[in-house]
Protein backbone atom coordinates (compact mmCIF):
# COMPACT_ATOMS: atom_id res chain seq x y z
CA MET A 1 30.42 13.34 27.94
CA ARG A 2 33.20 12.35 25.58
CA GLY A 3 34.17 8.70 25.74
CA ARG A 4 37.58 8.42 27.34
CA LYS A 5 40.33 6.13 26.18
CA GLY A 6 40.72 2.88 28.03
CA ASP A 7 41.26 -0.83 27.63
CA ALA A 8 39.23 -3.22 25.50
CA GLY A 9 36.68 -3.81 28.22
CA HIS A 10 35.92 -0.18 28.99
CA PRO A 11 33.10 1.57 27.11
CA GLY A 12 34.25 4.90 25.75
CA GLY A 13 37.70 3.53 25.10
CA CYS A 14 40.00 2.95 22.19
CA TRP A 15 39.88 -0.77 21.47
CA THR A 16 42.36 -2.81 19.52
CA MET A 17 40.38 -4.84 17.01
CA SER A 18 42.03 -6.29 10.54
CA ASN A 19 44.05 -3.01 10.28
CA LEU A 20 41.24 -0.45 10.06
CA ASN A 21 41.20 2.64 12.25
CA ILE A 22 37.50 3.27 12.93
CA LEU A 23 35.74 6.15 14.66
CA TYR A 24 32.33 5.33 16.14
CA VAL A 25 30.08 8.23 17.22
CA GLU A 26 27.25 6.84 19.35
CA ASP A 27 25.69 8.03 22.61
CA ASP A 28 24.49 4.58 23.73
CA PRO A 29 27.23 2.62 25.59
CA ARG A 30 25.47 -0.70 24.97
CA ALA A 31 25.41 -0.08 21.22
CA ALA A 32 29.11 0.85 21.33
CA GLU A 33 29.96 -2.36 23.18
CA ALA A 34 27.93 -4.39 20.67
CA VAL A 35 29.94 -2.95 17.77
CA GLN A 36 33.14 -3.53 19.72
CA ALA A 37 32.22 -7.21 20.04
CA LEU A 38 31.75 -7.45 16.26
CA VAL A 39 35.11 -6.03 15.28
CA LEU A 40 37.36 -6.91 18.21
CA ALA A 41 38.52 -10.19 16.67
CA ASP A 42 39.57 -8.57 13.38
CA GLY A 43 42.65 -6.71 14.63
CA ASP A 44 41.38 -3.17 13.93
CA ARG A 45 41.19 -0.13 16.21
CA LEU A 46 37.93 1.45 17.31
CA ALA A 47 37.73 4.90 18.90
CA TRP A 48 34.40 5.77 20.50
CA GLU A 49 32.94 9.25 20.98
CA GLN A 50 29.69 9.62 22.92
CA THR A 51 28.75 13.09 21.65
CA GLY A 52 28.30 14.62 18.22
CA THR A 53 30.53 17.54 19.15
CA GLY A 54 33.30 15.21 20.29
CA GLY A 55 32.93 13.08 17.18
CA LEU A 56 33.07 16.11 14.89
CA HIS A 57 36.24 17.37 16.55
CA ARG A 58 37.96 14.00 16.53
CA ALA A 59 37.02 13.22 12.91
CA GLY A 60 38.62 16.48 11.84
CA ALA A 61 41.70 16.18 14.04
CA GLU A 62 42.68 12.52 13.51
CA ALA A 63 43.02 10.20 10.51
CA PHE A 64 40.46 7.39 10.36
CA ASP A 65 39.77 4.80 7.66
CA VAL A 66 36.01 4.73 8.26
CA ILE A 67 33.54 6.59 10.48
CA ILE A 68 30.42 4.93 11.90
CA LEU A 69 27.96 7.69 12.71
CA ASP A 70 24.66 7.44 14.54
CA ARG A 71 22.09 9.77 13.03
CA MET A 72 20.17 10.73 16.16
CA LEU A 73 22.60 12.16 18.71
CA PRO A 74 21.44 14.37 21.60
CA ASP A 75 23.72 17.38 21.01
CA LEU A 76 24.49 17.42 17.28
CA ASP A 77 22.67 15.25 14.75
CA GLY A 78 24.54 13.01 12.34
CA LEU A 79 23.47 14.88 9.20
CA THR A 80 24.93 18.11 10.56
CA ILE A 81 28.17 16.36 11.50
CA VAL A 82 28.75 14.84 8.07
CA SER A 83 27.78 18.10 6.31
CA ARG A 84 30.35 20.00 8.37
CA LEU A 85 33.02 17.38 7.76
CA ARG A 86 32.50 17.51 3.99
CA ALA A 87 32.47 21.31 3.99
CA ALA A 88 35.80 21.22 5.85
CA GLY A 89 37.31 18.90 3.24
CA VAL A 90 37.26 15.73 5.37
CA GLY A 91 36.60 12.89 2.92
CA THR A 92 36.71 9.92 5.32
CA PRO A 93 34.03 7.37 4.32
CA VAL A 94 30.99 7.57 6.61
CA LEU A 95 28.55 4.76 7.37
CA MET A 96 25.42 6.16 9.02
CA LEU A 97 23.31 4.03 11.36
CA SER A 98 19.72 5.04 12.01
CA ALA A 99 16.34 3.76 13.10
CA LEU A 100 14.96 5.99 10.32
CA GLY A 101 15.10 3.54 7.44
CA ARG A 102 12.62 4.86 4.90
CA SER A 103 13.79 5.65 1.37
CA GLU A 104 13.56 9.41 1.95
CA ASN A 105 15.64 9.10 5.14
CA ARG A 106 18.38 7.27 3.24
CA ILE A 107 18.35 9.90 0.51
CA GLU A 108 18.66 12.70 3.10
CA GLY A 109 21.75 11.04 4.54
CA LEU A 110 23.35 10.39 1.17
CA GLU A 111 22.61 13.95 0.03
CA ALA A 112 24.34 15.27 3.15
CA GLY A 113 27.54 13.44 2.21
CA VAL A 114 27.14 10.01 3.83
CA ASP A 115 28.77 7.19 1.84
CA ASP A 116 26.51 4.38 3.07
CA TYR A 117 23.37 4.14 5.20
CA LEU A 118 22.31 1.17 7.30
CA ALA A 119 18.93 1.04 9.01
CA LYS A 120 18.50 -0.35 12.52
CA PRO A 121 18.06 -3.11 13.43
CA TYR A 122 20.74 -4.59 11.20
CA GLU A 123 22.50 -7.91 10.82
CA PRO A 124 25.87 -7.67 12.62
CA GLN A 125 27.84 -9.24 9.79
CA GLU A 126 26.27 -6.81 7.31
CA LEU A 127 27.72 -3.92 9.31
CA VAL A 128 31.19 -5.48 9.18
CA ALA A 129 30.85 -6.23 5.45
CA ARG A 130 29.80 -2.65 4.69
CA LEU A 131 32.75 -1.24 6.64
CA ARG A 132 35.12 -3.43 4.64
CA ALA A 133 33.44 -2.44 1.35
CA LEU A 134 33.66 1.27 2.18
CA HIS A 135 37.34 0.99 2.98
CA ARG A 136 38.12 -1.00 -0.18
CA ARG A 137 36.24 1.49 -2.34
CA SER A 138 37.94 4.46 -0.70
CA ALA A 139 41.42 2.95 -0.87
CA GLY A 140 41.18 1.64 -4.41
CA ALA A 141 39.10 4.21 -6.27
CA VAL A 142 41.84 6.70 -7.06
CA HIS A 143 45.61 6.33 -7.27
CA GLY A 144 46.37 10.01 -6.79
CA ALA A 145 44.96 13.06 -5.07
CA VAL A 146 44.07 14.76 -8.37
CA ILE A 147 42.22 13.32 -11.38
CA ILE A 148 42.59 15.28 -14.64
CA TYR A 149 40.45 14.77 -17.73
CA GLY A 150 40.45 17.39 -20.46
CA ALA A 151 39.68 20.76 -18.88
CA PHE A 152 38.43 19.18 -15.64
CA GLU A 153 40.30 18.58 -12.40
CA CYS A 154 39.01 16.63 -9.41
CA HIS A 155 40.99 17.13 -6.20
CA THR A 156 39.89 14.11 -4.21
CA LYS A 157 41.42 14.95 -0.83
CA ALA A 158 40.36 18.59 -0.83
CA ARG A 159 37.04 17.60 -2.45
CA THR A 160 37.23 20.48 -4.92
CA ALA A 161 36.42 20.71 -8.64
CA PHE A 162 37.91 22.87 -11.38
CA ARG A 163 37.20 23.54 -15.05
CA SER A 164 39.87 25.30 -17.10
CA GLY A 165 41.49 26.38 -13.84
CA ARG A 166 38.28 27.92 -12.48
CA HIS A 167 36.96 26.59 -9.17
CA VAL A 168 33.46 25.10 -9.38
CA PRO A 169 31.74 25.07 -5.95
CA LEU A 170 29.86 21.81 -5.45
CA SER A 171 27.73 20.32 -2.68
CA PRO A 172 28.89 16.99 -1.17
CA ARG A 173 26.54 14.98 -3.38
CA GLU A 174 27.43 16.99 -6.49
CA PHE A 175 31.12 16.40 -5.79
CA ALA A 176 30.50 12.66 -5.36
CA LEU A 177 28.80 12.67 -8.76
CA PHE A 178 31.59 14.71 -10.36
CA ARG A 179 34.24 12.39 -8.93
CA TYR A 180 32.38 9.34 -10.23
CA PHE A 181 32.20 10.82 -13.73
CA MET A 182 35.92 11.66 -13.54
CA GLU A 183 36.74 8.11 -12.47
CA ASN A 184 34.70 6.88 -15.45
CA ALA A 185 35.78 9.65 -17.84
CA GLY A 186 34.72 9.14 -21.45
CA GLU A 187 32.42 6.25 -20.56
CA THR A 188 28.64 6.16 -20.52
CA VAL A 189 27.38 6.11 -16.93
CA THR A 190 23.91 4.67 -16.43
CA ARG A 191 21.31 5.73 -13.88
CA GLU A 192 21.59 2.28 -12.29
CA MET A 193 25.36 2.71 -11.88
CA LEU A 194 24.85 6.06 -10.15
CA LEU A 195 22.21 4.70 -7.78
CA ARG A 196 24.44 1.76 -6.91
CA ASP A 197 27.84 3.46 -6.65
CA VAL A 198 27.05 7.05 -5.62
CA TRP A 199 23.84 6.59 -3.64
CA ASN A 200 24.65 3.02 -2.49
CA MET A 201 21.18 1.85 -3.49
CA ASN A 202 20.62 -1.52 -5.11
CA PHE A 203 17.04 -0.57 -5.86
CA ASP A 204 15.21 2.22 -7.67
CA PRO A 205 13.72 4.60 -5.05
CA GLN A 206 11.16 5.73 -7.63
CA THR A 207 12.23 9.36 -7.32
CA ASN A 208 14.00 11.77 -9.66
CA VAL A 209 16.92 12.24 -7.24
CA VAL A 210 19.50 11.25 -9.90
CA ASP A 211 18.05 13.51 -12.59
CA VAL A 212 17.79 16.49 -10.22
CA ASN A 213 21.40 16.17 -9.08
CA ILE A 214 22.67 15.61 -12.61
CA GLY A 215 20.88 18.81 -13.63
CA ARG A 216 22.46 20.78 -10.79
CA LEU A 217 25.93 19.43 -11.53
CA ARG A 218 25.57 20.15 -15.24
CA ARG A 219 24.52 23.76 -14.62
CA LYS A 220 27.47 24.41 -12.31
CA LEU A 221 30.04 22.77 -14.60
CA GLU A 222 28.73 24.63 -17.65
CA ASP A 223 28.17 28.06 -16.08
CA GLY A 224 30.25 30.57 -18.05
CA PHE A 225 31.41 28.04 -20.65
CA ALA A 226 30.22 27.61 -24.22
CA SER A 227 30.77 23.86 -24.51
CA PRO A 228 28.77 21.21 -22.60
CA ALA A 229 30.19 19.31 -19.64
CA LEU A 230 27.79 16.37 -19.55
CA GLU A 231 26.20 14.66 -22.52
CA THR A 232 22.89 12.82 -22.26
CA ILE A 233 23.10 9.51 -24.10
CA TRP A 234 19.43 8.89 -24.74
CA GLY A 235 18.27 5.49 -23.54
CA ALA A 236 21.66 4.79 -21.94
CA GLY A 237 22.83 7.42 -19.45
CA TYR A 238 25.32 10.28 -19.25
CA ARG A 239 28.92 10.91 -20.31
CA LEU A 240 31.44 13.51 -19.19
CA THR A 241 32.95 15.50 -22.06
CA ARG A 242 36.51 16.82 -22.09
CA GLY A 243 35.13 20.32 -21.56
CA GLU A 244 37.64 21.89 -23.93
């Protein structure tokens, strides 16, 4: 059942809590009330949806600064929700909460389009800090809806990529990589930077997830073009070319 709007003391309501408009998709009323208690004093607003279907609809229909998304929902799992949102062009930052906290679980979430992943149980203040960090990064990363560098265009709101006017279809993770390269155009981007800023990992998961995704992005950006899109700077990282 979809959480209905009510006052600050009613689970399933829309609570007035520092200027963020937050959507929380969680089927457990006690968990929702616990998050409410964390953010209530900050002056933000929290809208709660108890079902994945309700959360998906509301995330697409309303403007939110951040979405908190439980991974294991009874009707529609969190990975499916975020994948559908990204496919529909909804770029709202998503923080996923889950009892599944292994490295491979985090990678699955991030590959699906999640911006940050927090394993349960978590420290309450860490949740608040991550919400603030997601909002700051989202609000300050780009000053316009389109980033242009050489032959490349990155449409941040529509989450679409172009080279020489030709649309390049990208997965959510590939687009996140492309956007990061566009925001750091002409600079060498290290593997550590990508793990930290694109995968939100401050540790090396000891997998080839970065290399695999770089390879996929490179193939898509270079398909049908004679000049390279990404240069490998041996011993340092990668750099986006102008593609001209």
